[in-house]
Amino acid sequence: MSTRDIGGDRLQERGDDLYAALLAAHHGLSDEDSARLNARLVLLLANELGDIDTVLAVITAARAGFTP
């Protein structure tokens, strides 16, 4: 996966379903538990993807634009 592929709409019409599921998963959680859920989701999805180079490229793309 090249950097230009990262962030493309691969979910298409199911993107709204994913967003709704994420909101539902976070509903009622404290900020701390919500952060834990996000971390767990990232790790589970990275493991499911199973390609460390792609995971590292996605991390780089997600981090772009943030300042330390």
PDB file of N, CA and C in Angstrom:
ATOM      1  N   MET A   1       0.859  -1.178   0.000  1.00  0.00           N
ATOM      2  CA  MET A   1       0.000   0.000   0.000  1.00  0.00           C
ATOM      3  C   MET A   1       0.896   1.228   0.000  1.00  0.00           C
ATOM      4  N   SER A   2       0.721   2.080  -0.973  1.00  0.00           N
ATOM      5  CA  SER A   2       1.494   3.319  -1.012  1.00  0.00           C
ATOM      6  C   SER A   2       0.776   4.391  -0.205  1.00  0.00           C
ATOM      7  N   THR A   3       1.494   5.473   0.090  1.00  0.00           N
ATOM      8  CA  THR A   3       0.909   6.543   0.897  1.00  0.00           C
ATOM      9  C   THR A   3      -0.322   7.128   0.231  1.00  0.00           C
ATOM     10  N   ARG A   4      -0.348   7.179  -1.078  1.00  0.00           N
ATOM     11  CA  ARG A   4      -1.499   7.765  -1.760  1.00  0.00           C
ATOM     12  C   ARG A   4      -2.762   6.927  -1.596  1.00  0.00           C
ATOM     13  N   ASP A   5      -2.629   5.656  -1.255  1.00  0.00           N
ATOM     14  CA  ASP A   5      -3.791   4.798  -1.027  1.00  0.00           C
ATOM     15  C   ASP A   5      -4.396   5.005   0.364  1.00  0.00           C
ATOM     16  N   ILE A   6      -3.604   5.524   1.276  1.00  0.00           N
ATOM     17  CA  ILE A   6      -4.055   5.661   2.658  1.00  0.00           C
ATOM     18  C   ILE A   6      -5.072   6.795   2.756  1.00  0.00           C
ATOM     19  N   GLY A   7      -6.193   6.498   3.362  1.00  0.00           N
ATOM     20  CA  GLY A   7      -7.224   7.509   3.555  1.00  0.00           C
ATOM     21  C   GLY A   7      -8.272   7.532   2.461  1.00  0.00           C
ATOM     22  N   GLY A   8      -8.083   6.726   1.438  1.00  0.00           N
ATOM     23  CA  GLY A   8      -9.095   6.643   0.386  1.00  0.00           C
ATOM     24  C   GLY A   8     -10.359   5.997   0.929  1.00  0.00           C
ATOM     25  N   ASP A   9     -11.468   6.269   0.308  1.00  0.00           N
ATOM     26  CA  ASP A   9     -12.756   5.747   0.777  1.00  0.00           C
ATOM     27  C   ASP A   9     -12.953   4.319   0.292  1.00  0.00           C
ATOM     28  N   ARG A  10     -12.466   3.379   1.072  1.00  0.00           N
ATOM     29  CA  ARG A  10     -12.606   1.971   0.710  1.00  0.00           C
ATOM     30  C   ARG A  10     -13.887   1.370   1.285  1.00  0.00           C
ATOM     31  N   LEU A  11     -14.515   2.069   2.218  1.00  0.00           N
ATOM     32  CA  LEU A  11     -15.751   1.568   2.824  1.00  0.00           C
ATOM     33  C   LEU A  11     -16.984   1.966   2.024  1.00  0.00           C
ATOM     34  N   GLN A  12     -16.848   3.012   1.241  1.00  0.00           N
ATOM     35  CA  GLN A  12     -17.925   3.555   0.413  1.00  0.00           C
ATOM     36  C   GLN A  12     -19.201   3.743   1.224  1.00  0.00           C
ATOM     37  N   GLU A  13     -20.315   3.175   0.804  1.00  0.00           N
ATOM     38  CA  GLU A  13     -21.595   3.430   1.480  1.00  0.00           C
ATOM     39  C   GLU A  13     -21.653   2.829   2.885  1.00  0.00           C
ATOM     40  N   ARG A  14     -20.723   1.954   3.245  1.00  0.00           N
ATOM     41  CA  ARG A  14     -20.715   1.356   4.587  1.00  0.00           C
ATOM     42  C   ARG A  14     -19.978   2.217   5.607  1.00  0.00           C
ATOM     43  N   GLY A  15     -19.371   3.327   5.164  1.00  0.00           N
ATOM     44  CA  GLY A  15     -18.662   4.222   6.075  1.00  0.00           C
ATOM     45  C   GLY A  15     -19.558   4.761   7.176  1.00  0.00           C
ATOM     46  N   ASP A  16     -20.797   5.094   6.832  1.00  0.00           N
ATOM     47  CA  ASP A  16     -21.744   5.589   7.839  1.00  0.00           C
ATOM     48  C   ASP A  16     -22.058   4.510   8.872  1.00  0.00           C
ATOM     49  N   ASP A  17     -22.125   3.253   8.429  1.00  0.00           N
ATOM     50  CA  ASP A  17     -22.366   2.148   9.363  1.00  0.00           C
ATOM     51  C   ASP A  17     -21.211   2.015  10.349  1.00  0.00           C
ATOM     52  N   LEU A  18     -19.992   2.154   9.843  1.00  0.00           N
ATOM     53  CA  LEU A  18     -18.823   2.086  10.715  1.00  0.00           C
ATOM     54  C   LEU A  18     -18.845   3.224  11.728  1.00  0.00           C
ATOM     55  N   TYR A  19     -19.128   4.434  11.261  1.00  0.00           N
ATOM     56  CA  TYR A  19     -19.178   5.597  12.153  1.00  0.00           C
ATOM     57  C   TYR A  19     -20.221   5.386  13.249  1.00  0.00           C
ATOM     58  N   ALA A  20     -21.394   4.892  12.889  1.00  0.00           N
ATOM     59  CA  ALA A  20     -22.453   4.641  13.872  1.00  0.00           C
ATOM     60  C   ALA A  20     -22.022   3.576  14.880  1.00  0.00           C
ATOM     61  N   ALA A  21     -21.353   2.532  14.410  1.00  0.00           N
ATOM     62  CA  ALA A  21     -20.884   1.476  15.310  1.00  0.00           C
ATOM     63  C   ALA A  21     -19.828   2.004  16.276  1.00  0.00           C
ATOM     64  N   LEU A  22     -18.937   2.878  15.787  1.00  0.00           N
ATOM     65  CA  LEU A  22     -17.924   3.475  16.660  1.00  0.00           C
ATOM     66  C   LEU A  22     -18.565   4.364  17.720  1.00  0.00           C
ATOM     67  N   LEU A  23     -19.540   5.179  17.311  1.00  0.00           N
ATOM     68  CA  LEU A  23     -20.245   6.022  18.283  1.00  0.00           C
ATOM     69  C   LEU A  23     -20.944   5.170  19.332  1.00  0.00           C
ATOM     70  N   ALA A  24     -21.599   4.104  18.904  1.00  0.00           N
ATOM     71  CA  ALA A  24     -22.310   3.226  19.834  1.00  0.00           C
ATOM     72  C   ALA A  24     -21.337   2.546  20.798  1.00  0.00           C
ATOM     73  N   ALA A  25     -20.175   2.148  20.303  1.00  0.00           N
ATOM     74  CA  ALA A  25     -19.187   1.484  21.151  1.00  0.00           C
ATOM     75  C   ALA A  25     -18.668   2.420  22.240  1.00  0.00           C
ATOM     76  N   HIS A  26     -18.601   3.711  21.943  1.00  0.00           N
ATOM     77  CA  HIS A  26     -18.092   4.697  22.901  1.00  0.00           C
ATOM     78  C   HIS A  26     -19.177   5.258  23.820  1.00  0.00           C
ATOM     79  N   HIS A  27     -20.435   5.026  23.484  1.00  0.00           N
ATOM     80  CA  HIS A  27     -21.545   5.599  24.245  1.00  0.00           C
ATOM     81  C   HIS A  27     -21.466   5.196  25.720  1.00  0.00           C
ATOM     82  N   GLY A  28     -21.502   6.194  26.586  1.00  0.00           N
ATOM     83  CA  GLY A  28     -21.531   5.954  28.017  1.00  0.00           C
ATOM     84  C   GLY A  28     -20.171   5.707  28.658  1.00  0.00           C
ATOM     85  N   LEU A  29     -19.106   5.679  27.869  1.00  0.00           N
ATOM     86  CA  LEU A  29     -17.778   5.446  28.424  1.00  0.00           C
ATOM     87  C   LEU A  29     -17.175   6.754  28.933  1.00  0.00           C
ATOM     88  N   SER A  30     -16.362   6.647  29.951  1.00  0.00           N
ATOM     89  CA  SER A  30     -15.598   7.808  30.411  1.00  0.00           C
ATOM     90  C   SER A  30     -14.546   8.134  29.348  1.00  0.00           C
ATOM     91  N   ASP A  31     -13.953   9.315  29.452  1.00  0.00           N
ATOM     92  CA  ASP A  31     -12.885   9.678  28.511  1.00  0.00           C
ATOM     93  C   ASP A  31     -11.743   8.667  28.571  1.00  0.00           C
ATOM     94  N   GLU A  32     -11.409   8.232  29.771  1.00  0.00           N
ATOM     95  CA  GLU A  32     -10.323   7.259  29.940  1.00  0.00           C
ATOM     96  C   GLU A  32     -10.669   5.922  29.292  1.00  0.00           C
ATOM     97  N   ASP A  33     -11.880   5.428  29.522  1.00  0.00           N
ATOM     98  CA  ASP A  33     -12.291   4.162  28.917  1.00  0.00           C
ATOM     99  C   ASP A  33     -12.426   4.291  27.401  1.00  0.00           C
ATOM    100  N   SER A  34     -12.860   5.449  26.936  1.00  0.00           N
ATOM    101  CA  SER A  34     -12.952   5.692  25.502  1.00  0.00           C
ATOM    102  C   SER A  34     -11.565   5.639  24.858  1.00  0.00           C
ATOM    103  N   ALA A  35     -10.572   6.224  25.523  1.00  0.00           N
ATOM    104  CA  ALA A  35      -9.194   6.165  25.019  1.00  0.00           C
ATOM    105  C   ALA A  35      -8.683   4.728  25.014  1.00  0.00           C
ATOM    106  N   ARG A  36      -9.031   3.967  26.050  1.00  0.00           N
ATOM    107  CA  ARG A  36      -8.637   2.544  26.089  1.00  0.00           C
ATOM    108  C   ARG A  36      -9.284   1.767  24.948  1.00  0.00           C
ATOM    109  N   LEU A  37     -10.556   2.032  24.710  1.00  0.00           N
ATOM    110  CA  LEU A  37     -11.247   1.365  23.610  1.00  0.00           C
ATOM    111  C   LEU A  37     -10.569   1.689  22.284  1.00  0.00           C
ATOM    112  N   ASN A  38     -10.236   2.967  22.068  1.00  0.00           N
ATOM    113  CA  ASN A  38      -9.546   3.348  20.831  1.00  0.00           C
ATOM    114  C   ASN A  38      -8.227   2.603  20.679  1.00  0.00           C
ATOM    115  N   ALA A  39      -7.452   2.524  21.756  1.00  0.00           N
ATOM    116  CA  ALA A  39      -6.172   1.813  21.701  1.00  0.00           C
ATOM    117  C   ALA A  39      -6.387   0.338  21.382  1.00  0.00           C
ATOM    118  N   ARG A  40      -7.373  -0.262  22.017  1.00  0.00           N
ATOM    119  CA  ARG A  40      -7.665  -1.677  21.763  1.00  0.00           C
ATOM    120  C   ARG A  40      -8.102  -1.893  20.316  1.00  0.00           C
ATOM    121  N   LEU A  41      -8.944  -1.000  19.805  1.00  0.00           N
ATOM    122  CA  LEU A  41      -9.373  -1.100  18.409  1.00  0.00           C
ATOM    123  C   LEU A  41      -8.196  -1.020  17.448  1.00  0.00           C
ATOM    124  N   VAL A  42      -7.298  -0.064  17.693  1.00  0.00           N
ATOM    125  CA  VAL A  42      -6.125   0.091  16.826  1.00  0.00           C
ATOM    126  C   VAL A  42      -5.289  -1.181  16.827  1.00  0.00           C
ATOM    127  N   LEU A  43      -5.029  -1.721  18.007  1.00  0.00           N
ATOM    128  CA  LEU A  43      -4.197  -2.921  18.092  1.00  0.00           C
ATOM    129  C   LEU A  43      -4.870  -4.131  17.455  1.00  0.00           C
ATOM    130  N   LEU A  44      -6.159  -4.295  17.682  1.00  0.00           N
ATOM    131  CA  LEU A  44      -6.878  -5.418  17.072  1.00  0.00           C
ATOM    132  C   LEU A  44      -6.934  -5.292  15.547  1.00  0.00           C
ATOM    133  N   LEU A  45      -7.199  -4.081  15.057  1.00  0.00           N
ATOM    134  CA  LEU A  45      -7.245  -3.874  13.609  1.00  0.00           C
ATOM    135  C   LEU A  45      -5.873  -4.061  12.970  1.00  0.00           C
ATOM    136  N   ALA A  46      -4.816  -3.588  13.640  1.00  0.00           N
ATOM    137  CA  ALA A  46      -3.458  -3.778  13.123  1.00  0.00           C
ATOM    138  C   ALA A  46      -3.114  -5.260  13.057  1.00  0.00           C
ATOM    139  N   ASN A  47      -3.477  -5.997  14.095  1.00  0.00           N
ATOM    140  CA  ASN A  47      -3.217  -7.432  14.100  1.00  0.00           C
ATOM    141  C   ASN A  47      -4.022  -8.140  13.015  1.00  0.00           C
ATOM    142  N   GLU A  48      -5.261  -7.730  12.829  1.00  0.00           N
ATOM    143  CA  GLU A  48      -6.108  -8.322  11.792  1.00  0.00           C
ATOM    144  C   GLU A  48      -5.539  -8.035  10.407  1.00  0.00           C
ATOM    145  N   LEU A  49      -5.045  -6.821  10.203  1.00  0.00           N
ATOM    146  CA  LEU A  49      -4.427  -6.458   8.926  1.00  0.00           C
ATOM    147  C   LEU A  49      -3.184  -7.303   8.690  1.00  0.00           C
ATOM    148  N   GLY A  50      -2.354  -7.433   9.704  1.00  0.00           N
ATOM    149  CA  GLY A  50      -1.220  -8.339   9.639  1.00  0.00           C
ATOM    150  C   GLY A  50      -0.058  -7.908   8.761  1.00  0.00           C
ATOM    151  N   ASP A  51      -0.008  -6.657   8.371  1.00  0.00           N
ATOM    152  CA  ASP A  51       1.073  -6.160   7.512  1.00  0.00           C
ATOM    153  C   ASP A  51       1.710  -4.960   8.195  1.00  0.00           C
ATOM    154  N   ILE A  52       2.854  -5.179   8.852  1.00  0.00           N
ATOM    155  CA  ILE A  52       3.479  -4.128   9.655  1.00  0.00           C
ATOM    156  C   ILE A  52       3.850  -2.909   8.821  1.00  0.00           C
ATOM    157  N   ASP A  53       4.281  -3.098   7.578  1.00  0.00           N
ATOM    158  CA  ASP A  53       4.644  -1.954   6.740  1.00  0.00           C
ATOM    159  C   ASP A  53       3.435  -1.063   6.469  1.00  0.00           C
ATOM    160  N   THR A  54       2.296  -1.666   6.220  1.00  0.00           N
ATOM    161  CA  THR A  54       1.077  -0.896   6.003  1.00  0.00           C
ATOM    162  C   THR A  54       0.656  -0.200   7.288  1.00  0.00           C
ATOM    163  N   VAL A  55       0.733  -0.898   8.406  1.00  0.00           N
ATOM    164  CA  VAL A  55       0.371  -0.299   9.693  1.00  0.00           C
ATOM    165  C   VAL A  55       1.259   0.907   9.985  1.00  0.00           C
ATOM    166  N   LEU A  56       2.557   0.783   9.750  1.00  0.00           N
ATOM    167  CA  LEU A  56       3.475   1.902   9.986  1.00  0.00           C
ATOM    168  C   LEU A  56       3.180   3.073   9.049  1.00  0.00           C
ATOM    169  N   ALA A  57       2.830   2.783   7.801  1.00  0.00           N
ATOM    170  CA  ALA A  57       2.474   3.849   6.861  1.00  0.00           C
ATOM    171  C   ALA A  57       1.197   4.558   7.299  1.00  0.00           C
ATOM    172  N   VAL A  58       0.246   3.808   7.810  1.00  0.00           N
ATOM    173  CA  VAL A  58      -1.001   4.398   8.297  1.00  0.00           C
ATOM    174  C   VAL A  58      -0.734   5.268   9.528  1.00  0.00           C
ATOM    175  N   ILE A  59       0.123   4.808  10.420  1.00  0.00           N
ATOM    176  CA  ILE A  59       0.483   5.612  11.594  1.00  0.00           C
ATOM    177  C   ILE A  59       1.105   6.930  11.150  1.00  0.00           C
ATOM    178  N   THR A  60       2.013   6.868  10.189  1.00  0.00           N
ATOM    179  CA  THR A  60       2.657   8.078   9.676  1.00  0.00           C
ATOM    180  C   THR A  60       1.630   9.022   9.072  1.00  0.00           C
ATOM    181  N   ALA A  61       0.712   8.486   8.281  1.00  0.00           N
ATOM    182  CA  ALA A  61      -0.318   9.317   7.653  1.00  0.00           C
ATOM    183  C   ALA A  61      -1.243   9.934   8.699  1.00  0.00           C
ATOM    184  N   ALA A  62      -1.606   9.161   9.716  1.00  0.00           N
ATOM    185  CA  ALA A  62      -2.502   9.662  10.763  1.00  0.00           C
ATOM    186  C   ALA A  62      -1.823  10.738  11.605  1.00  0.00           C
ATOM    187  N   ARG A  63      -0.533  10.630  11.790  1.00  0.00           N
ATOM    188  CA  ARG A  63       0.225  11.573  12.620  1.00  0.00           C
ATOM    189  C   ARG A  63       0.503  12.881  11.892  1.00  0.00           C
ATOM    190  N   ALA A  64       0.464  12.865  10.579  1.00  0.00           N
ATOM    191  CA  ALA A  64       0.766  14.063   9.788  1.00  0.00           C
ATOM    192  C   ALA A  64      -0.175  15.202  10.177  1.00  0.00           C
ATOM    193  N   GLY A  65       0.392  16.374  10.358  1.00  0.00           N
ATOM    194  CA  GLY A  65      -0.409  17.542  10.686  1.00  0.00           C
ATOM    195  C   GLY A  65      -0.518  17.844  12.167  1.00  0.00           C
ATOM    196  N   PHE A  66      -0.128  16.900  13.011  1.00  0.00           N
ATOM    197  CA  PHE A  66      -0.132  17.142  14.453  1.00  0.00           C
ATOM    198  C   PHE A  66       1.240  17.650  14.870  1.00  0.00           C
ATOM    199  N   THR A  67       1.261  18.564  15.813  1.00  0.00           N
ATOM    200  CA  THR A  67       2.537  19.035  16.344  1.00  0.00           C
ATOM    201  C   THR A  67       2.722  18.480  17.743  1.00  0.00           C
ATOM    202  N   PRO A  68       3.947  18.114  18.089  1.00  0.00           N
ATOM    203  CA  PRO A  68       4.184  17.540  19.426  1.00  0.00           C
ATOM    204  C   PRO A  68       3.983  18.552  20.537  1.00  0.00           C
TER     205      PRO A  68
END
